Amino acid sequence: MLEREMLTPREAAYIRLELQLRLGVIPRLRNGILLKNWKAGPMKGCPRLPSAIASLIERGLVEVRKPDSFQPSRAYFTSLGIASITAAVQNSRLFPPDRYGHLLRELLHDVVE
């Protein structure tokens, strides 16, 4: 895998935070990562991009889309991003299987389909 396709430690930490189980709800990669919007100022209505997401966008691993005007923006992994997250999730030190096994199952299930 090329260097630009690998997740940095900061990006991996952000993805772990956003895709961990919360209150029994299993987050899905296909649903994207919810982004907050600016509420005031010159950037009002635009998505706030954490530095990890901005880095992923620069390298073409993530793209930001807004489904419609009533829903918030979300960051979706591109095909290159899916390849990089698949490699990262297979590393049990970065993504412990007992806490992030749902991601690996989702990724492997999508490959099989």
N, C-alpha and C. Protein backbone atom coordinates (compact mmCIF):
# COMPACT_ATOMS: atom_id res chain seq x y z
N MET A 1 0.85 -1.17 0.00
CA MET A 1 0.00 0.00 0.00
C MET A 1 0.89 1.24 0.00
N LEU A 2 0.55 2.22 -0.79
CA LEU A 2 1.33 3.44 -0.88
C LEU A 2 1.26 4.23 0.41
N GLU A 3 2.28 5.05 0.66
CA GLU A 3 2.35 5.84 1.88
C GLU A 3 1.15 6.79 2.00
N ARG A 4 0.72 7.37 0.90
CA ARG A 4 -0.37 8.33 0.97
C ARG A 4 -1.72 7.67 1.24
N GLU A 5 -1.78 6.34 1.07
CA GLU A 5 -3.02 5.61 1.32
C GLU A 5 -3.15 5.15 2.76
N MET A 6 -2.04 5.15 3.50
CA MET A 6 -2.08 4.68 4.88
C MET A 6 -2.63 5.77 5.79
N LEU A 7 -3.34 5.36 6.82
CA LEU A 7 -3.88 6.31 7.79
C LEU A 7 -2.78 6.76 8.74
N THR A 8 -2.76 8.04 9.03
CA THR A 8 -1.83 8.55 10.04
C THR A 8 -2.40 8.21 11.42
N PRO A 9 -1.57 8.24 12.46
CA PRO A 9 -2.10 7.96 13.81
C PRO A 9 -3.24 8.90 14.21
N ARG A 10 -3.16 10.17 13.84
CA ARG A 10 -4.21 11.12 14.16
C ARG A 10 -5.52 10.77 13.44
N GLU A 11 -5.41 10.37 12.17
CA GLU A 11 -6.59 9.98 11.41
C GLU A 11 -7.22 8.71 11.97
N ALA A 12 -6.37 7.74 12.31
CA ALA A 12 -6.87 6.48 12.87
C ALA A 12 -7.58 6.74 14.20
N ALA A 13 -7.02 7.61 15.02
CA ALA A 13 -7.64 7.94 16.31
C ALA A 13 -9.01 8.60 16.11
N TYR A 14 -9.09 9.50 15.13
CA TYR A 14 -10.37 10.17 14.85
C TYR A 14 -11.40 9.16 14.35
N ILE A 15 -11.00 8.27 13.46
CA ILE A 15 -11.92 7.27 12.92
C ILE A 15 -12.37 6.32 14.03
N ARG A 16 -11.44 5.93 14.91
CA ARG A 16 -11.82 5.08 16.04
C ARG A 16 -12.87 5.78 16.91
N LEU A 17 -12.67 7.06 17.16
CA LEU A 17 -13.61 7.82 17.98
C LEU A 17 -14.99 7.90 17.33
N GLU A 18 -15.02 8.17 16.04
CA GLU A 18 -16.29 8.36 15.34
C GLU A 18 -17.03 7.05 15.06
N LEU A 19 -16.30 5.95 14.92
CA LEU A 19 -16.94 4.69 14.53
C LEU A 19 -16.98 3.66 15.65
N GLN A 20 -16.85 4.11 16.89
CA GLN A 20 -16.97 3.17 18.01
C GLN A 20 -18.45 2.97 18.34
N LEU A 21 -18.74 1.86 19.00
CA LEU A 21 -20.11 1.59 19.43
C LEU A 21 -20.55 2.64 20.44
N ARG A 22 -21.75 3.16 20.25
CA ARG A 22 -22.31 4.13 21.20
C ARG A 22 -23.72 3.72 21.57
N LEU A 23 -23.92 3.49 22.85
CA LEU A 23 -25.24 3.14 23.38
C LEU A 23 -25.87 1.98 22.61
N GLY A 24 -25.05 1.01 22.24
CA GLY A 24 -25.54 -0.17 21.55
C GLY A 24 -25.81 0.02 20.07
N VAL A 25 -25.54 1.20 19.53
CA VAL A 25 -25.77 1.48 18.11
C VAL A 25 -24.48 1.20 17.33
N ILE A 26 -24.59 0.39 16.29
CA ILE A 26 -23.43 0.04 15.48
C ILE A 26 -23.31 1.06 14.34
N PRO A 27 -22.25 1.88 14.36
CA PRO A 27 -22.07 2.84 13.25
C PRO A 27 -21.63 2.12 11.98
N ARG A 28 -22.08 2.61 10.86
CA ARG A 28 -21.76 2.01 9.55
C ARG A 28 -20.90 2.97 8.74
N LEU A 29 -19.92 2.40 8.06
CA LEU A 29 -19.09 3.22 7.17
C LEU A 29 -19.93 3.83 6.05
N ARG A 30 -20.87 3.07 5.56
CA ARG A 30 -21.66 3.56 4.42
C ARG A 30 -22.53 4.76 4.78
N ASN A 31 -22.77 4.98 6.08
CA ASN A 31 -23.54 6.15 6.52
C ASN A 31 -22.68 7.40 6.62
N GLY A 32 -21.36 7.26 6.52
CA GLY A 32 -20.47 8.40 6.60
C GLY A 32 -20.26 8.88 8.02
N ILE A 33 -19.42 9.87 8.16
CA ILE A 33 -19.14 10.48 9.46
C ILE A 33 -19.82 11.84 9.48
N LEU A 34 -20.66 12.03 10.47
CA LEU A 34 -21.42 13.27 10.61
C LEU A 34 -20.49 14.44 10.92
N LEU A 35 -20.66 15.54 10.21
CA LEU A 35 -19.86 16.74 10.42
C LEU A 35 -20.74 17.86 10.96
N LYS A 36 -20.23 18.60 11.90
CA LYS A 36 -20.95 19.76 12.41
C LYS A 36 -20.81 20.91 11.42
N ASN A 37 -21.78 21.82 11.46
CA ASN A 37 -21.74 23.00 10.59
C ASN A 37 -21.41 24.24 11.40
N TRP A 38 -20.80 25.22 10.72
CA TRP A 38 -20.60 26.52 11.35
C TRP A 38 -21.96 27.16 11.55
N LYS A 39 -22.19 27.75 12.71
CA LYS A 39 -23.48 28.36 13.03
C LYS A 39 -23.51 29.86 12.78
N ALA A 40 -22.34 30.50 12.73
CA ALA A 40 -22.29 31.95 12.53
C ALA A 40 -20.99 32.31 11.81
N GLY A 41 -20.91 33.55 11.40
CA GLY A 41 -19.69 34.04 10.76
C GLY A 41 -19.68 33.82 9.26
N PRO A 42 -18.56 34.08 8.62
CA PRO A 42 -18.47 33.98 7.17
C PRO A 42 -18.62 32.56 6.65
N MET A 43 -18.38 31.56 7.50
CA MET A 43 -18.48 30.15 7.08
C MET A 43 -19.83 29.54 7.47
N LYS A 44 -20.80 30.35 7.85
CA LYS A 44 -22.09 29.87 8.32
C LYS A 44 -22.70 28.88 7.32
N GLY A 45 -23.10 27.73 7.84
CA GLY A 45 -23.72 26.71 7.00
C GLY A 45 -22.74 25.73 6.37
N CYS A 46 -21.47 26.07 6.36
CA CYS A 46 -20.45 25.17 5.81
C CYS A 46 -20.04 24.15 6.87
N PRO A 47 -19.63 22.95 6.43
CA PRO A 47 -19.22 21.96 7.42
C PRO A 47 -17.90 22.32 8.10
N ARG A 48 -17.83 22.03 9.40
CA ARG A 48 -16.57 22.18 10.13
C ARG A 48 -15.73 20.94 9.84
N LEU A 49 -14.52 21.15 9.41
CA LEU A 49 -13.66 20.02 9.07
C LEU A 49 -12.57 19.85 10.11
N PRO A 50 -12.66 18.79 10.94
CA PRO A 50 -11.57 18.51 11.86
C PRO A 50 -10.28 18.28 11.06
N SER A 51 -9.15 18.50 11.68
CA SER A 51 -7.88 18.39 10.95
C SER A 51 -7.68 17.00 10.35
N ALA A 52 -8.16 15.96 11.03
CA ALA A 52 -8.01 14.60 10.50
C ALA A 52 -8.83 14.44 9.22
N ILE A 53 -10.04 14.98 9.19
CA ILE A 53 -10.88 14.89 7.99
C ILE A 53 -10.26 15.72 6.86
N ALA A 54 -9.75 16.91 7.18
CA ALA A 54 -9.12 17.74 6.16
C ALA A 54 -7.93 17.01 5.53
N SER A 55 -7.17 16.31 6.34
CA SER A 55 -6.02 15.54 5.84
C SER A 55 -6.49 14.40 4.93
N LEU A 56 -7.56 13.73 5.34
CA LEU A 56 -8.10 12.64 4.51
C LEU A 56 -8.65 13.16 3.18
N ILE A 57 -9.25 14.35 3.20
CA ILE A 57 -9.77 14.96 1.97
C ILE A 57 -8.63 15.31 1.04
N GLU A 58 -7.57 15.91 1.57
CA GLU A 58 -6.41 16.29 0.76
C GLU A 58 -5.82 15.10 0.02
N ARG A 59 -5.83 13.94 0.67
CA ARG A 59 -5.22 12.76 0.07
C ARG A 59 -6.21 11.93 -0.73
N GLY A 60 -7.45 12.40 -0.85
CA GLY A 60 -8.44 11.73 -1.68
C GLY A 60 -9.04 10.48 -1.05
N LEU A 61 -8.96 10.36 0.27
CA LEU A 61 -9.51 9.19 0.95
C LEU A 61 -10.95 9.40 1.39
N VAL A 62 -11.36 10.66 1.48
CA VAL A 62 -12.70 11.02 1.95
C VAL A 62 -13.23 12.16 1.09
N GLU A 63 -14.55 12.18 0.91
CA GLU A 63 -15.20 13.31 0.26
C GLU A 63 -16.39 13.74 1.11
N VAL A 64 -16.68 15.02 1.10
CA VAL A 64 -17.78 15.56 1.89
C VAL A 64 -18.98 15.77 0.98
N ARG A 65 -20.12 15.24 1.42
CA ARG A 65 -21.36 15.41 0.68
C ARG A 65 -22.47 15.82 1.62
N LYS A 66 -23.41 16.57 1.09
CA LYS A 66 -24.60 16.96 1.85
C LYS A 66 -25.79 16.35 1.12
N PRO A 67 -26.44 15.32 1.73
CA PRO A 67 -27.52 14.61 1.05
C PRO A 67 -28.62 15.54 0.54
N ASP A 68 -29.09 16.45 1.38
CA ASP A 68 -30.05 17.47 0.95
C ASP A 68 -29.94 18.66 1.89
N SER A 69 -30.71 19.69 1.63
CA SER A 69 -30.55 20.93 2.40
C SER A 69 -30.98 20.79 3.86
N PHE A 70 -31.74 19.75 4.19
CA PHE A 70 -32.22 19.60 5.56
C PHE A 70 -31.35 18.68 6.41
N GLN A 71 -30.40 18.00 5.79
CA GLN A 71 -29.54 17.08 6.53
C GLN A 71 -28.13 17.65 6.62
N PRO A 72 -27.43 17.33 7.71
CA PRO A 72 -26.06 17.84 7.85
C PRO A 72 -25.11 17.13 6.89
N SER A 73 -23.97 17.76 6.67
CA SER A 73 -22.95 17.19 5.79
C SER A 73 -22.34 15.96 6.45
N ARG A 74 -21.86 15.07 5.61
CA ARG A 74 -21.19 13.85 6.08
C ARG A 74 -19.94 13.63 5.25
N ALA A 75 -18.96 13.00 5.88
CA ALA A 75 -17.72 12.62 5.19
C ALA A 75 -17.83 11.15 4.82
N TYR A 76 -17.71 10.86 3.53
CA TYR A 76 -17.81 9.48 3.03
C TYR A 76 -16.45 9.05 2.50
N PHE A 77 -16.09 7.80 2.77
CA PHE A 77 -14.84 7.26 2.27
C PHE A 77 -14.95 6.96 0.78
N THR A 78 -13.92 7.33 0.03
CA THR A 78 -13.84 7.00 -1.39
C THR A 78 -13.36 5.55 -1.51
N SER A 79 -13.27 5.03 -2.72
CA SER A 79 -12.79 3.66 -2.89
C SER A 79 -11.36 3.51 -2.37
N LEU A 80 -10.54 4.53 -2.58
CA LEU A 80 -9.18 4.51 -2.04
C LEU A 80 -9.21 4.56 -0.51
N GLY A 81 -10.14 5.33 0.04
CA GLY A 81 -10.30 5.40 1.49
C GLY A 81 -10.79 4.09 2.08
N ILE A 82 -11.68 3.40 1.36
CA ILE A 82 -12.16 2.09 1.82
C ILE A 82 -11.00 1.11 1.87
N ALA A 83 -10.13 1.16 0.87
CA ALA A 83 -8.96 0.27 0.86
C ALA A 83 -8.04 0.56 2.05
N SER A 84 -7.84 1.84 2.35
CA SER A 84 -6.95 2.19 3.45
C SER A 84 -7.58 1.83 4.80
N ILE A 85 -8.88 2.03 4.95
CA ILE A 85 -9.51 1.68 6.23
C ILE A 85 -9.58 0.17 6.40
N THR A 86 -9.73 -0.57 5.31
CA THR A 86 -9.72 -2.03 5.38
C THR A 86 -8.38 -2.52 5.89
N ALA A 87 -7.30 -1.96 5.37
CA ALA A 87 -5.96 -2.34 5.82
C ALA A 87 -5.76 -1.96 7.29
N ALA A 88 -6.25 -0.80 7.68
CA ALA A 88 -6.08 -0.35 9.07
C ALA A 88 -6.88 -1.21 10.04
N VAL A 89 -8.11 -1.56 9.67
CA VAL A 89 -8.97 -2.35 10.56
C VAL A 89 -8.41 -3.76 10.75
N GLN A 90 -7.67 -4.26 9.79
CA GLN A 90 -7.08 -5.59 9.92
C GLN A 90 -5.90 -5.59 10.88
N ASN A 91 -5.40 -4.42 11.26
CA ASN A 91 -4.34 -4.31 12.26
C ASN A 91 -5.02 -4.26 13.63
N SER A 92 -4.90 -5.35 14.37
CA SER A 92 -5.61 -5.46 15.65
C SER A 92 -5.08 -4.51 16.72
N ARG A 93 -3.90 -3.94 16.50
CA ARG A 93 -3.39 -2.96 17.46
C ARG A 93 -4.05 -1.59 17.25
N LEU A 94 -4.33 -1.25 16.00
CA LEU A 94 -5.00 0.02 15.71
C LEU A 94 -6.49 -0.05 16.03
N PHE A 95 -7.13 -1.14 15.62
CA PHE A 95 -8.56 -1.33 15.79
C PHE A 95 -8.80 -2.68 16.46
N PRO A 96 -8.83 -2.71 17.80
CA PRO A 96 -9.05 -3.98 18.51
C PRO A 96 -10.33 -4.67 18.04
N PRO A 97 -10.26 -5.95 17.66
CA PRO A 97 -11.43 -6.65 17.12
C PRO A 97 -12.63 -6.71 18.06
N ASP A 98 -12.38 -6.73 19.37
CA ASP A 98 -13.51 -6.79 20.29
C ASP A 98 -14.31 -5.49 20.30
N ARG A 99 -13.69 -4.39 19.93
CA ARG A 99 -14.38 -3.10 19.91
C ARG A 99 -14.75 -2.63 18.50
N TYR A 100 -14.00 -3.09 17.48
CA TYR A 100 -14.21 -2.60 16.11
C TYR A 100 -14.42 -3.73 15.11
N GLY A 101 -14.80 -4.89 15.59
CA GLY A 101 -15.07 -6.02 14.70
C GLY A 101 -16.20 -5.74 13.73
N HIS A 102 -17.14 -4.88 14.14
CA HIS A 102 -18.26 -4.53 13.26
C HIS A 102 -17.76 -3.87 11.98
N LEU A 103 -16.67 -3.11 12.04
CA LEU A 103 -16.13 -2.47 10.83
C LEU A 103 -15.56 -3.51 9.87
N LEU A 104 -14.80 -4.44 10.42
CA LEU A 104 -14.22 -5.48 9.58
C LEU A 104 -15.32 -6.33 8.95
N ARG A 105 -16.34 -6.68 9.72
CA ARG A 105 -17.45 -7.45 9.17
C ARG A 105 -18.15 -6.69 8.05
N GLU A 106 -18.36 -5.40 8.25
CA GLU A 106 -19.00 -4.58 7.21
C GLU A 106 -18.15 -4.52 5.95
N LEU A 107 -16.86 -4.31 6.13
CA LEU A 107 -15.97 -4.22 4.97
C LEU A 107 -15.88 -5.55 4.22
N LEU A 108 -15.75 -6.65 4.94
CA LEU A 108 -15.68 -7.95 4.29
C LEU A 108 -17.00 -8.33 3.65
N HIS A 109 -18.10 -7.95 4.27
CA HIS A 109 -19.42 -8.23 3.70
C HIS A 109 -19.60 -7.48 2.37
N ASP A 110 -19.15 -6.24 2.32
CA ASP A 110 -19.26 -5.45 1.08
C ASP A 110 -18.40 -6.03 -0.03
N VAL A 111 -17.24 -6.60 0.33
CA VAL A 111 -16.35 -7.20 -0.67
C VAL A 111 -17.00 -8.44 -1.25
N VAL A 112 -17.67 -9.22 -0.41
CA VAL A 112 -18.29 -10.47 -0.85
C VAL A 112 -19.46 -10.20 -1.77
N GLU A 113 -20.24 -9.14 -1.50
CA GLU A 113 -21.43 -8.84 -2.31
C GLU A 113 -21.11 -8.43 -3.70
